[in-house]
Protein backbone atom coordinates (compact mmCIF):
# COMPACT_ATOMS: atom_id res chain seq x y z
CA UNK A 1 -0.02 0.08 -0.02
CA UNK A 2 2.88 2.43 0.71
CA UNK A 3 4.35 1.95 -2.47
CA UNK A 4 0.98 2.72 -4.21
CA UNK A 5 0.90 5.99 -2.02
CA UNK A 6 4.39 6.85 -3.07
CA UNK A 7 3.42 6.41 -6.80
CA UNK A 8 0.50 8.60 -6.40
CA UNK A 9 2.64 11.25 -4.60
CA UNK A 10 5.38 11.03 -7.42
CA UNK A 11 2.70 11.31 -10.21
CA UNK A 12 1.32 14.45 -8.34
CA UNK A 13 4.73 16.08 -8.17
CA UNK A 14 5.49 15.38 -11.74
CA UNK A 15 2.12 16.50 -13.08
CA UNK A 16 2.04 19.67 -11.08
CA UNK A 17 5.61 20.68 -12.07
CA UNK A 18 4.95 20.12 -15.71
CA UNK A 19 1.75 22.06 -15.53
CA UNK A 20 3.00 24.92 -13.55
CA UNK A 21 6.68 25.32 -14.86
CA UNK A 22 6.19 24.17 -18.48
CA UNK A 23 2.88 24.02 -19.85
CA UNK A 24 1.57 27.20 -17.95
CA UNK A 25 4.15 29.85 -19.17
CA UNK A 26 4.26 28.38 -22.76
CA UNK A 27 0.42 28.35 -23.08
CA UNK A 28 -0.17 31.77 -21.47
CA UNK A 29 2.22 33.43 -23.78
CA UNK A 30 1.08 31.54 -26.90
CA UNK A 31 -2.41 32.14 -26.32
CA UNK A 32 -1.92 35.80 -25.75
CA UNK A 33 0.06 36.21 -29.00
CA UNK A 34 -2.71 34.08 -30.92
CA UNK A 35 -5.48 36.11 -29.29
CA UNK A 36 -3.95 39.28 -30.43
CA UNK A 37 -3.26 38.05 -33.91
CA UNK A 38 -6.96 36.92 -34.03
CA UNK A 39 -8.29 40.26 -32.83
CA UNK A 40 -6.10 42.19 -35.24
CA UNK A 41 -7.37 40.02 -38.21
CA UNK A 42 -4.07 38.44 -39.14
CA UNK A 43 -5.36 34.78 -38.69
CA UNK A 44 -8.33 35.83 -40.83
CA UNK A 45 -6.29 37.09 -43.65
CA UNK A 46 -3.97 34.10 -43.49
CA UNK A 47 -6.86 31.85 -43.81
CA UNK A 48 -8.28 33.76 -46.66
CA UNK A 49 -5.00 33.68 -48.51
CA UNK A 50 -4.66 30.01 -48.00
CA UNK A 51 -8.09 28.79 -48.64
CA UNK A 52 -7.97 28.85 -52.56
CA UNK A 53 -4.86 26.65 -52.56
CA UNK A 54 -6.07 24.22 -49.91
CA UNK A 55 -9.51 23.89 -51.43
CA UNK A 56 -7.78 21.76 -54.05
CA UNK A 57 -7.43 18.94 -51.36
CA UNK A 58 -11.02 19.38 -50.03
CA UNK A 59 -10.48 22.07 -47.26
CA UNK A 60 -12.90 25.01 -47.02
CA UNK A 61 -11.79 28.42 -45.73
CA UNK A 62 -12.93 27.40 -42.15
CA UNK A 63 -10.74 24.18 -42.41
CA UNK A 64 -7.77 26.51 -42.76
CA UNK A 65 -8.65 28.25 -39.65
CA UNK A 66 -8.94 24.95 -37.84
CA UNK A 67 -5.42 24.08 -38.94
CA UNK A 68 -4.23 27.31 -37.55
CA UNK A 69 -5.93 26.64 -34.29
CA UNK A 70 -4.38 23.13 -34.01
CA UNK A 71 -0.85 24.28 -34.86
CA UNK A 72 -0.72 27.47 -32.72
CA UNK A 73 -3.39 27.13 -29.94
CA UNK A 74 -4.30 23.63 -28.75
CA UNK A 75 -5.71 20.25 -29.85
CA UNK A 76 -9.09 21.31 -28.55
CA UNK A 77 -9.30 24.66 -30.08
CA UNK A 78 -10.43 23.23 -33.62
CA UNK A 79 -13.62 21.97 -31.98
CA UNK A 80 -15.22 25.45 -32.01
CA UNK A 81 -14.67 25.69 -35.76
CA UNK A 82 -15.86 22.18 -36.33
CA UNK A 83 -19.13 23.18 -34.53
CA UNK A 84 -19.53 26.18 -36.82
CA UNK A 85 -18.87 23.93 -39.97
CA UNK A 86 -21.50 21.47 -38.53
CA UNK A 87 -24.08 24.07 -38.63
CA UNK A 88 -23.07 25.67 -42.10
CA UNK A 89 -25.12 24.30 -44.84
CA UNK A 90 -22.65 25.63 -47.44
CA UNK A 91 -20.16 23.05 -46.18
CA UNK A 92 -20.54 19.43 -47.25
CA UNK A 93 -19.84 16.38 -45.21
CA UNK A 94 -16.87 15.51 -47.30
CA UNK A 95 -15.37 19.03 -46.51
CA UNK A 96 -15.87 18.37 -42.88
CA UNK A 97 -14.37 14.87 -43.04
CA UNK A 98 -11.40 16.36 -44.94
CA UNK A 99 -10.87 19.04 -42.24
CA UNK A 100 -11.00 16.39 -39.48
CA UNK A 101 -8.56 14.17 -41.29
CA UNK A 102 -6.15 17.02 -41.66
CA UNK A 103 -6.14 18.09 -38.17
CA UNK A 104 -6.03 14.59 -36.76
CA UNK A 105 -2.53 14.23 -38.55
CA UNK A 106 -1.05 17.44 -37.25
CA UNK A 107 1.07 18.25 -34.20
CA UNK A 108 -1.08 19.93 -31.50
CA UNK A 109 0.31 23.23 -30.10
CA UNK A 110 -0.37 22.18 -26.48
CA UNK A 111 2.28 19.46 -26.65
CA UNK A 112 4.55 20.88 -29.49
CA UNK A 113 5.67 24.13 -27.78
CA UNK A 114 6.46 22.45 -24.43
CA UNK A 115 8.47 19.81 -26.13
CA UNK A 116 10.44 22.49 -27.88
CA UNK A 117 12.09 23.21 -24.43
CA UNK A 118 13.61 19.82 -24.61
CA UNK A 119 14.76 20.00 -28.21
CA UNK A 120 11.69 19.29 -30.58
CA UNK A 121 12.22 20.84 -34.04
CA UNK A 122 9.10 22.98 -34.46
CA UNK A 123 9.61 24.20 -37.94
CA UNK A 124 9.92 20.70 -39.39
CA UNK A 125 7.19 19.39 -37.24
CA UNK A 126 4.74 22.10 -38.69
CA UNK A 127 5.93 21.61 -42.19
CA UNK A 128 5.45 17.79 -42.06
CA UNK A 129 2.09 18.42 -40.36
CA UNK A 130 0.72 20.62 -43.12
CA UNK A 131 2.02 18.40 -46.05
CA UNK A 132 0.77 15.23 -44.64
CA UNK A 133 -2.47 16.80 -43.35
CA UNK A 134 -3.22 17.96 -46.86
CA UNK A 135 -2.57 14.37 -48.18
CA UNK A 136 -4.88 12.95 -45.50
CA UNK A 137 -7.57 15.64 -46.17
CA UNK A 138 -7.56 14.58 -49.95
CA UNK A 139 -7.88 10.99 -49.24
CA UNK A 140 -10.83 11.74 -46.79
CA UNK A 141 -12.46 13.96 -49.38
CA UNK A 142 -12.29 11.28 -51.98
CA UNK A 143 -13.54 8.54 -49.60
CA UNK A 144 -16.54 10.39 -48.44
CA UNK A 145 -17.35 11.54 -51.87
CA UNK A 146 -16.82 14.76 -53.86
CA UNK A 147 -19.89 17.06 -53.73
CA UNK A 148 -19.66 19.30 -56.67
CA UNK A 149 -22.71 21.40 -55.70
CA UNK A 150 -20.77 22.61 -52.65
CA UNK A 151 -18.50 25.58 -53.72
CA UNK A 152 -15.81 26.73 -51.54
CA UNK A 153 -17.03 30.40 -50.77
CA UNK A 154 -14.12 31.59 -48.77
CA UNK A 155 -15.53 35.09 -48.04
CA UNK A 156 -18.90 33.73 -46.85
CA UNK A 157 -17.46 31.03 -44.64
CA UNK A 158 -14.84 33.19 -43.12
CA UNK A 159 -17.52 35.74 -42.39
CA UNK A 160 -19.33 33.02 -40.52
CA UNK A 161 -16.26 32.51 -38.37
CA UNK A 162 -15.80 36.16 -37.76
CA UNK A 163 -19.44 36.66 -36.66
CA UNK A 164 -19.92 33.52 -34.57
CA UNK A 165 -16.48 33.34 -33.02
CA UNK A 166 -16.26 35.34 -29.78
CA UNK A 167 -14.75 38.82 -30.60
CA UNK A 168 -13.45 41.53 -28.51
CA UNK A 169 -12.04 43.71 -31.15
CA UNK A 170 -13.08 47.41 -30.84
CA UNK A 171 -14.44 46.93 -27.30
CA UNK A 172 -11.03 46.33 -25.48
CA UNK A 173 -7.48 47.48 -26.05
CA UNK A 174 -4.31 45.48 -26.75
CA UNK A 175 -3.52 44.78 -22.97
CA UNK A 176 -7.00 43.45 -22.56
CA UNK A 177 -6.76 41.21 -25.45
CA UNK A 178 -3.43 39.84 -24.31
CA UNK A 179 -4.91 39.26 -20.73
CA UNK A 180 -7.85 37.48 -22.31
CA UNK A 181 -5.67 35.11 -24.19
CA UNK A 182 -3.38 34.69 -21.14
CA UNK A 183 -6.45 33.57 -19.12
CA UNK A 184 -7.45 30.87 -21.73
CA UNK A 185 -3.77 29.71 -21.70
CA UNK A 186 -3.85 29.38 -18.01
CA UNK A 187 -7.09 27.41 -18.17
CA UNK A 188 -5.56 24.88 -20.69
CA UNK A 189 -2.73 24.43 -18.29
CA UNK A 190 -5.05 23.86 -15.34
CA UNK A 191 -7.12 21.49 -17.21
CA UNK A 192 -4.07 19.44 -18.32
CA UNK A 193 -3.06 18.91 -14.69
CA UNK A 194 -5.61 15.99 -13.71
CA UNK A 195 -5.04 13.94 -16.85
CA UNK A 196 -1.32 14.39 -16.43
CA UNK A 197 -1.24 13.16 -12.89
CA UNK A 198 -3.56 10.16 -13.64
CA UNK A 199 -1.48 9.20 -16.67
CA UNK A 200 1.83 9.39 -14.99
CA UNK A 201 0.39 7.41 -12.08
CA UNK A 202 -1.00 4.79 -14.55
CA UNK A 203 2.39 4.64 -16.31
CA UNK A 204 4.29 4.23 -12.90
CA UNK A 205 1.89 1.35 -12.05
CA UNK A 206 2.41 -0.39 -15.34
CA UNK A 207 6.20 0.03 -14.79
CA UNK A 208 5.95 -1.39 -11.24
CA UNK A 209 4.19 -4.52 -12.40
CA UNK A 210 6.65 -5.06 -15.24
CA UNK A 211 4.23 -4.46 -18.09
CA UNK A 212 6.30 -1.77 -19.73
CA UNK A 213 9.43 -3.86 -19.40
CA UNK A 214 7.83 -6.85 -21.05
CA UNK A 215 6.39 -4.58 -23.73
CA UNK A 216 9.93 -3.09 -24.34
CA UNK A 217 11.37 -6.60 -24.68
CA UNK A 218 8.55 -7.63 -27.20
CA UNK A 219 8.04 -4.52 -29.12
CA UNK A 220 11.55 -2.97 -28.79
CA UNK A 221 13.25 -5.05 -31.35
CA UNK A 222 10.37 -4.51 -33.80
CA UNK A 223 10.57 -0.68 -33.54
CA UNK A 224 14.34 -0.76 -33.77
CA UNK A 225 14.14 -2.56 -37.03
CA UNK A 226 12.39 0.62 -38.65
CA UNK A 227 14.81 3.10 -36.82
CA UNK A 228 12.70 3.80 -33.73
CA UNK A 229 14.42 3.37 -30.44
CA UNK A 230 13.17 0.81 -28.02
CA UNK A 231 12.74 3.34 -25.30
CA UNK A 232 9.75 5.01 -27.45
CA UNK A 233 7.72 2.10 -26.29
CA UNK A 234 6.68 3.92 -23.08
CA UNK A 235 5.74 7.23 -24.57
CA UNK A 236 3.85 5.37 -27.51
CA UNK A 237 1.83 3.38 -24.98
CA UNK A 238 1.11 6.34 -22.96
CA UNK A 239 0.03 8.25 -25.99
CA UNK A 240 -2.65 5.80 -26.98
CA UNK A 241 -3.90 5.21 -23.39
CA UNK A 242 -4.05 8.72 -22.05
CA UNK A 243 -3.48 11.02 -25.06
CA UNK A 244 -0.88 13.44 -26.27
CA UNK A 245 -0.47 15.78 -23.37
CA UNK A 246 0.32 12.75 -21.02
CA UNK A 247 2.73 11.34 -23.74
CA UNK A 248 4.44 14.69 -23.67
CA UNK A 249 4.98 14.46 -19.88
CA UNK A 250 6.58 11.14 -20.33
CA UNK A 251 8.92 12.19 -23.27
CA UNK A 252 10.10 15.37 -21.27
CA UNK A 253 10.97 13.02 -18.32
CA UNK A 254 12.77 10.66 -20.44
CA UNK A 255 14.89 13.40 -22.24
CA UNK A 256 15.70 15.07 -18.81
CA UNK A 257 16.79 11.74 -17.54
CA UNK A 258 19.07 11.06 -20.58
CA UNK A 259 17.01 8.06 -21.54
CA UNK A 260 16.01 9.55 -24.86
CA UNK A 261 18.08 11.89 -27.09
CA UNK A 262 16.75 14.91 -28.91
CA UNK A 263 17.28 13.11 -32.23
CA UNK A 264 15.18 10.20 -30.94
CA UNK A 265 12.59 12.74 -29.84
CA UNK A 266 12.30 14.21 -33.31
CA UNK A 267 12.32 10.75 -35.00
CA UNK A 268 9.20 9.59 -33.00
CA UNK A 269 7.47 12.94 -33.20
CA UNK A 270 6.09 12.29 -36.71
CA UNK A 271 4.14 9.20 -35.38
CA UNK A 272 3.14 10.38 -31.86
CA UNK A 273 2.57 14.22 -32.02
CA UNK A 274 -1.01 14.19 -33.21
CA UNK A 275 -4.46 14.14 -31.70
CA UNK A 276 -5.49 10.66 -33.01
CA UNK A 277 -6.02 9.06 -29.68
CA UNK A 278 -8.93 8.29 -27.47
CA UNK A 279 -9.00 11.68 -25.85
CA UNK A 280 -8.62 13.68 -28.93
CA UNK A 281 -11.20 11.75 -31.08
CA UNK A 282 -13.67 11.80 -28.13
CA UNK A 283 -13.40 15.68 -28.07
CA UNK A 284 -13.79 16.09 -31.88
CA UNK A 285 -16.85 13.69 -31.95
CA UNK A 286 -18.51 16.02 -29.50
CA UNK A 287 -18.73 18.75 -32.23
CA UNK A 288 -21.93 17.31 -33.64
CA UNK A 289 -23.57 14.68 -35.65
CA UNK A 290 -22.17 15.36 -39.00
CA UNK A 291 -18.67 15.32 -37.59
CA UNK A 292 -19.48 11.89 -36.08
CA UNK A 293 -20.92 10.60 -39.27
CA UNK A 294 -17.58 11.23 -41.20
CA UNK A 295 -15.20 10.29 -38.30
CA UNK A 296 -14.46 6.72 -39.70
CA UNK A 297 -13.14 7.81 -43.04
CA UNK A 298 -11.55 10.74 -41.49
CA UNK A 299 -9.53 8.52 -39.19
CA UNK A 300 -8.56 5.99 -41.91
CA UNK A 301 -7.15 8.94 -43.98
CA UNK A 302 -5.47 10.28 -40.86
CA UNK A 303 -3.66 7.06 -40.25
CA UNK A 304 -2.30 7.01 -43.78
CA UNK A 305 -1.17 10.66 -43.17
CA UNK A 306 0.53 9.93 -39.92
CA UNK A 307 2.25 6.88 -41.47
CA UNK A 308 3.57 9.35 -44.21
CA UNK A 309 4.61 11.83 -41.67
CA UNK A 310 6.38 9.43 -39.45
CA UNK A 311 8.46 8.20 -42.51
CA UNK A 312 9.29 11.85 -43.40
CA UNK A 313 10.58 12.33 -39.82
CA UNK A 314 12.57 9.08 -40.04
CA UNK A 315 14.29 10.40 -43.19
CA UNK A 316 14.80 13.88 -41.93
CA UNK A 317 16.29 12.92 -38.48
């Protein structure tokens, strides 16, 4: 019983330290900057410029906005955009599925930026995210079925985003906008604390009963055959049990202990830094019935995109 209590306390210490000293400052600053860019219309203009090009792979203008939210805010941020797409009759199910497939492939900001502290290559991660996300969106778009009667009306769609998203522009100044974004970043950090603690405790429990060691012996050689280090078994298992945030906590711990190198971190990032896990999928499915209807082909397309992205990281690093 004492060993269980010690594991709980260790998990609590690790989760709180990660939330307060890594996730909190990173997310407060990033959310403040993103809120300011959104308020000043920079994100809107970026989405408008990108939409005509990305429409070739089935992404509508609002889909571009969801991608920016995934890459620069957090894995939960695109849910608001998916909800707007759900209610927009101008956007077909195929385009919703394409958007979901794209964001399921991409690296989520709430894990990417904290991992940059221990050596994650953010520019490469974002580049592979966009490339492979576009591949996945095209696959999903073709699987669900191209609807020619739905035309990408970027101006109209982006206007929906502008009118339905919470706006504080014109009502408050720059400092207030920064504070608003900082508060949202603080909420993300606070909400990440319970799952982090639970995930670290679960992983510690699996370690104590020898399950992780057994999996490393069994799966380690298979991973090493394709260039992935055996030590990656632990974060990969954590990823598909407790989600990307918990995986991030384990990776940071492994790098700080010297058990994983920066190069190995960047090699596995292509396979593990994405919201395609039980936690991420559950959050996206909550966006609405139309999103849930296209979830299966979107996830199949996302798996193909993740495999491609992982292969790119293996070649680059």
